[in-house]
C-alpha atoms as a PDB file:
ATOM      1  CA  UNK A   1      17.240  12.190   9.050  1.00  0.00           C
ATOM      2  CA  UNK A   2      15.058  14.082  11.151  1.00  0.00           C
ATOM      3  CA  UNK A   3      13.813  12.404  14.765  1.00  0.00           C
ATOM      4  CA  UNK A   4      10.042  12.574  15.115  1.00  0.00           C
ATOM      5  CA  UNK A   5       8.233  12.733  18.431  1.00  0.00           C
ATOM      6  CA  UNK A   6       5.702  10.024  19.770  1.00  0.00           C
ATOM      7  CA  UNK A   7       3.021  12.372  18.649  1.00  0.00           C
ATOM      8  CA  UNK A   8       4.180  12.674  15.105  1.00  0.00           C
ATOM      9  CA  UNK A   9       4.309   8.685  14.989  1.00  0.00           C
ATOM     10  CA  UNK A  10       0.860   8.306  16.479  1.00  0.00           C
ATOM     11  CA  UNK A  11      -0.605  10.556  13.771  1.00  0.00           C
ATOM     12  CA  UNK A  12       0.650   7.986  11.095  1.00  0.00           C
ATOM     13  CA  UNK A  13      -2.368   5.470  10.238  1.00  0.00           C
ATOM     14  CA  UNK A  14      -0.711   2.238   9.135  1.00  0.00           C
ATOM     15  CA  UNK A  15      -3.225  -0.558   8.670  1.00  0.00           C
ATOM     16  CA  UNK A  16      -3.300  -4.039   7.520  1.00  0.00           C
ATOM     17  CA  UNK A  17      -5.516  -4.466   4.151  1.00  0.00           C
ATOM     18  CA  UNK A  18      -5.935  -7.414   1.798  1.00  0.00           C
ATOM     19  CA  UNK A  19      -5.501  -6.723  -2.007  1.00  0.00           C
ATOM     20  CA  UNK A  20      -8.928  -7.683  -3.715  1.00  0.00           C
ATOM     21  CA  UNK A  21      -7.863  -6.337  -7.383  1.00  0.00           C
ATOM     22  CA  UNK A  22      -4.919  -5.693  -9.484  1.00  0.00           C
ATOM     23  CA  UNK A  23      -4.866  -3.981 -12.824  1.00  0.00           C
ATOM     24  CA  UNK A  24      -1.895  -2.922 -15.077  1.00  0.00           C
ATOM     25  CA  UNK A  25      -1.180   0.709 -14.981  1.00  0.00           C
ATOM     26  CA  UNK A  26       0.214   1.477 -18.420  1.00  0.00           C
ATOM     27  CA  UNK A  27      -0.049   5.247 -17.847  1.00  0.00           C
ATOM     28  CA  UNK A  28       2.103   5.541 -15.093  1.00  0.00           C
ATOM     29  CA  UNK A  29       5.548   6.951 -15.837  1.00  0.00           C
ATOM     30  CA  UNK A  30       7.346   3.906 -14.132  1.00  0.00           C
ATOM     31  CA  UNK A  31       6.148   0.215 -14.508  1.00  0.00           C
ATOM     32  CA  UNK A  32       3.099  -0.138 -11.828  1.00  0.00           C
ATOM     33  CA  UNK A  33       0.132  -1.943 -10.764  1.00  0.00           C
ATOM     34  CA  UNK A  34      -3.488  -0.408  -9.438  1.00  0.00           C
ATOM     35  CA  UNK A  35      -4.159  -2.012  -6.425  1.00  0.00           C
ATOM     36  CA  UNK A  36      -7.455  -2.363  -4.664  1.00  0.00           C
ATOM     37  CA  UNK A  37      -7.102  -2.859  -0.899  1.00  0.00           C
ATOM     38  CA  UNK A  38      -9.789  -3.728   1.591  1.00  0.00           C
ATOM     39  CA  UNK A  39      -9.286  -2.288   4.891  1.00  0.00           C
ATOM     40  CA  UNK A  40     -12.228  -3.510   6.750  1.00  0.00           C
ATOM     41  CA  UNK A  41     -15.789  -1.949   7.589  1.00  0.00           C
ATOM     42  CA  UNK A  42     -14.490   1.127   9.133  1.00  0.00           C
ATOM     43  CA  UNK A  43     -11.938   2.281   6.387  1.00  0.00           C
ATOM     44  CA  UNK A  44     -13.437   0.433   3.391  1.00  0.00           C
ATOM     45  CA  UNK A  45     -11.689  -0.402   0.336  1.00  0.00           C
ATOM     46  CA  UNK A  46      -8.904   2.107  -0.894  1.00  0.00           C
ATOM     47  CA  UNK A  47      -7.068   2.311  -4.033  1.00  0.00           C
ATOM     48  CA  UNK A  48      -3.285   2.851  -4.711  1.00  0.00           C
ATOM     49  CA  UNK A  49      -0.486   2.578  -7.255  1.00  0.00           C
ATOM     50  CA  UNK A  50       2.690   0.793  -6.631  1.00  0.00           C
ATOM     51  CA  UNK A  51       5.817   0.345  -8.557  1.00  0.00           C
ATOM     52  CA  UNK A  52       6.117  -3.392  -7.445  1.00  0.00           C
ATOM     53  CA  UNK A  53       6.227  -5.070 -10.806  1.00  0.00           C
ATOM     54  CA  UNK A  54       9.875  -6.259 -10.496  1.00  0.00           C
ATOM     55  CA  UNK A  55       8.983  -8.747  -7.920  1.00  0.00           C
ATOM     56  CA  UNK A  56       5.293  -9.317  -7.866  1.00  0.00           C
ATOM     57  CA  UNK A  57       3.003 -10.592 -10.419  1.00  0.00           C
ATOM     58  CA  UNK A  58      -0.792  -9.533 -10.392  1.00  0.00           C
ATOM     59  CA  UNK A  59      -2.090 -12.907  -9.658  1.00  0.00           C
ATOM     60  CA  UNK A  60       0.652 -13.402  -6.628  1.00  0.00           C
ATOM     61  CA  UNK A  61      -0.845  -9.873  -4.934  1.00  0.00           C
ATOM     62  CA  UNK A  62      -4.532 -10.857  -4.788  1.00  0.00           C
ATOM     63  CA  UNK A  63      -5.536 -11.873  -1.437  1.00  0.00           C
ATOM     64  CA  UNK A  64      -2.061 -10.909   0.030  1.00  0.00           C
ATOM     65  CA  UNK A  65      -1.980  -8.644   3.195  1.00  0.00           C
ATOM     66  CA  UNK A  66      -0.157  -5.805   3.132  1.00  0.00           C
ATOM     67  CA  UNK A  67       0.555  -2.798   5.288  1.00  0.00           C
ATOM     68  CA  UNK A  68      -0.485   0.921   4.084  1.00  0.00           C
ATOM     69  CA  UNK A  69      -0.733   4.393   5.239  1.00  0.00           C
ATOM     70  CA  UNK A  70      -4.287   5.189   5.089  1.00  0.00           C
ATOM     71  CA  UNK A  71      -4.339   8.940   6.347  1.00  0.00           C
ATOM     72  CA  UNK A  72      -2.338  10.921   3.679  1.00  0.00           C
ATOM     73  CA  UNK A  73      -4.204  13.335   1.340  1.00  0.00           C
ATOM     74  CA  UNK A  74      -5.306  11.727  -1.965  1.00  0.00           C
ATOM     75  CA  UNK A  75      -2.745  11.909  -4.864  1.00  0.00           C
ATOM     76  CA  UNK A  76      -3.150  12.349  -8.322  1.00  0.00           C
ATOM     77  CA  UNK A  77      -1.066   9.686 -10.233  1.00  0.00           C
ATOM     78  CA  UNK A  78      -1.489  10.245 -14.144  1.00  0.00           C
ATOM     79  CA  UNK A  79      -5.032   9.657 -14.603  1.00  0.00           C
ATOM     80  CA  UNK A  80      -5.214   7.672 -11.260  1.00  0.00           C
ATOM     81  CA  UNK A  81      -6.093   8.990  -7.860  1.00  0.00           C
ATOM     82  CA  UNK A  82      -4.093   7.193  -5.149  1.00  0.00           C
ATOM     83  CA  UNK A  83      -5.985   6.990  -1.728  1.00  0.00           C
ATOM     84  CA  UNK A  84      -3.341   5.055   0.202  1.00  0.00           C
ATOM     85  CA  UNK A  85       0.438   4.240   0.280  1.00  0.00           C
ATOM     86  CA  UNK A  86       1.805   0.641   0.492  1.00  0.00           C
ATOM     87  CA  UNK A  87       4.808   0.108   2.526  1.00  0.00           C
ATOM     88  CA  UNK A  88       7.955  -1.854   1.242  1.00  0.00           C
ATOM     89  CA  UNK A  89      11.317  -2.049   1.780  1.00  0.00           C
ATOM     90  CA  UNK A  90      13.019  -0.270  -1.058  1.00  0.00           C
ATOM     91  CA  UNK A  91      16.319  -2.112  -2.531  1.00  0.00           C
ATOM     92  CA  UNK A  92      19.194  -0.382  -4.376  1.00  0.00           C
ATOM     93  CA  UNK A  93      17.631  -0.563  -7.929  1.00  0.00           C
ATOM     94  CA  UNK A  94      14.083   0.559  -6.437  1.00  0.00           C
ATOM     95  CA  UNK A  95      12.734  -2.700  -6.334  1.00  0.00           C
ATOM     96  CA  UNK A  96      10.323  -2.942  -3.612  1.00  0.00           C
ATOM     97  CA  UNK A  97       9.450  -5.706  -1.058  1.00  0.00           C
ATOM     98  CA  UNK A  98       6.171  -5.394   0.542  1.00  0.00           C
ATOM     99  CA  UNK A  99       5.553  -5.320   4.150  1.00  0.00           C
ATOM    100  CA  UNK A 100       2.978  -7.720   5.472  1.00  0.00           C
ATOM    101  CA  UNK A 101       1.911  -9.610   8.673  1.00  0.00           C
ATOM    102  CA  UNK A 102       3.563 -12.965   9.389  1.00  0.00           C
ATOM    103  CA  UNK A 103      -0.190 -14.398  10.041  1.00  0.00           C
ATOM    104  CA  UNK A 104      -3.415 -13.589   8.590  1.00  0.00           C
ATOM    105  CA  UNK A 105      -5.123 -10.846  10.611  1.00  0.00           C
ATOM    106  CA  UNK A 106      -8.294  -8.960  10.436  1.00  0.00           C
ATOM    107  CA  UNK A 107      -8.415  -6.029   7.841  1.00  0.00           C
ATOM    108  CA  UNK A 108      -8.125  -2.752   9.146  1.00  0.00           C
ATOM    109  CA  UNK A 109      -5.772  -3.404  12.332  1.00  0.00           C
ATOM    110  CA  UNK A 110      -3.725  -0.523  13.087  1.00  0.00           C
ATOM    111  CA  UNK A 111       0.273  -0.964  13.059  1.00  0.00           C
ATOM    112  CA  UNK A 112       1.970   0.561  16.395  1.00  0.00           C
END
């Protein structure tokens, strides 16, 4: 593991957003969903894919607040362009538990 400087950490834009739409992603190599996440007026809605099908049903994700990195470059995943990266704890078998605030907060708030 490589140590980061404080200035390195400050470059990472982790924000709170609310999932507004979830779709299946059958073209993905591993089971995944396509998510649309609202990060508020300043950032807007971003799309991403997430391999979270082991623990989450589509209907459980809508209106759920999540944490995501919003300043990575866009990434092509199969036929889909990912615009952010949701953050979660990854278990031994690759199952992901999404990180989210304990209380509902304003979309777009920065994590620090």
